[in-house]
Amino acid sequence: MLGATWSGNRIILDLCKTDFMDSTAIAWLIATTKQSGNSGGSIAIHSVAPGARQMLDILKIGKVIPIVANEAAARQFLTGAGPAVQAA
């Protein structure tokens, strides 16, 4: 879906409709973020629904994957235009 060179891109994930995340989803997010970083890309998550946000906060995923308030903040973070990461 993203193409062969996806990991070198800046990727924004909108999780506003994600109410629950199991261990498989968390593992995928971490692995994808790592692969992206190793290839010169970057990932930011935004608009996380409360149920998913609770899981991300418990696991302190915000220390590994940038979690921001909205799409504008994600774009700002990924372009290096300023600090936009929310505290986890």
Protein backbone atom coordinates (compact mmCIF):
# COMPACT_ATOMS: atom_id res chain seq x y z
CA MET A 1 0.00 0.00 0.00
CA LEU A 2 2.78 2.46 0.84
CA GLY A 3 5.24 1.22 -1.76
CA ALA A 4 8.71 -0.27 -1.60
CA THR A 5 10.36 2.88 -0.24
CA TRP A 6 7.70 3.71 2.37
CA SER A 7 10.09 3.67 5.30
CA GLY A 8 12.03 6.67 4.02
CA ASN A 9 8.92 8.89 4.04
CA ARG A 10 7.28 11.04 6.70
CA ILE A 11 4.18 9.19 7.86
CA ILE A 12 1.22 10.60 9.80
CA LEU A 13 -1.14 8.14 11.49
CA ASP A 14 -4.60 9.40 12.49
CA LEU A 15 -5.90 7.21 15.33
CA CYS A 16 -9.13 9.09 16.04
CA LYS A 17 -11.24 6.01 15.23
CA THR A 18 -8.99 3.52 17.02
CA ASP A 19 -10.67 2.67 20.32
CA PHE A 20 -8.49 -0.32 21.22
CA MET A 21 -4.96 -1.50 20.49
CA ASP A 22 -3.74 -4.99 21.31
CA SER A 23 -0.14 -6.14 21.64
CA THR A 24 0.09 -6.88 17.91
CA ALA A 25 -0.81 -3.30 17.01
CA ILE A 26 1.63 -1.90 19.59
CA ALA A 27 4.41 -4.17 18.29
CA TRP A 28 3.64 -3.09 14.71
CA LEU A 29 3.82 0.59 15.67
CA ILE A 30 7.17 0.13 17.40
CA ALA A 31 8.68 -1.98 14.58
CA THR A 32 7.39 0.40 11.91
CA THR A 33 8.77 3.42 13.74
CA LYS A 34 12.15 1.73 14.13
CA GLN A 35 12.29 0.68 10.46
CA SER A 36 11.25 4.15 9.37
CA GLY A 37 13.91 5.81 11.51
CA ASN A 38 16.59 3.46 10.20
CA SER A 39 15.65 4.39 6.62
CA GLY A 40 15.63 8.15 7.13
CA GLY A 41 11.87 8.46 7.53
CA SER A 42 9.75 9.45 10.49
CA ILE A 43 6.33 8.74 11.96
CA ALA A 44 3.94 10.74 14.13
CA ILE A 45 0.62 9.65 15.63
CA HIS A 46 -2.19 12.15 16.17
CA SER A 47 -5.78 12.45 17.36
CA VAL A 48 -5.59 9.27 19.42
CA ALA A 49 -8.99 8.11 20.73
CA PRO A 50 -9.20 7.92 24.55
CA GLY A 51 -9.21 4.11 24.79
CA ALA A 52 -6.14 3.73 22.62
CA ARG A 53 -4.46 6.71 24.26
CA GLN A 54 -4.85 5.09 27.66
CA MET A 55 -3.03 1.98 26.42
CA LEU A 56 -0.28 4.04 24.78
CA ASP A 57 0.17 6.06 27.98
CA ILE A 58 0.32 2.99 30.22
CA LEU A 59 3.02 1.49 28.02
CA LYS A 60 4.81 4.85 27.67
CA ILE A 61 4.80 4.50 23.88
CA GLY A 62 5.12 8.28 23.58
CA LYS A 63 8.79 7.89 24.53
CA VAL A 64 9.33 5.83 21.36
CA ILE A 65 6.73 7.17 18.94
CA PRO A 66 5.78 10.86 18.73
CA ILE A 67 2.14 11.38 19.80
CA VAL A 68 0.67 14.79 19.01
CA ALA A 69 -2.71 16.45 19.33
CA ASN A 70 -3.79 16.82 15.70
CA GLU A 71 -2.73 16.62 12.06
CA ALA A 72 -1.32 20.14 12.04
CA ALA A 73 0.89 19.32 15.02
CA ALA A 74 2.01 16.10 13.33
CA ARG A 75 2.99 17.99 10.19
CA GLN A 76 4.80 20.57 12.30
CA PHE A 77 6.70 17.88 14.17
CA LEU A 78 7.66 15.93 11.04
CA THR A 79 8.93 19.01 9.23
CA GLY A 80 10.98 20.08 12.23
CA ALA A 81 9.07 23.35 12.53
CA GLY A 82 8.96 23.16 16.31
CA PRO A 83 8.17 21.01 19.31
CA ALA A 84 4.74 19.50 19.04
CA VAL A 85 5.01 16.25 21.01
CA GLN A 86 2.55 15.85 23.88
CA ALA A 87 3.82 14.49 27.15
CA ALA A 88 2.98 10.82 27.50
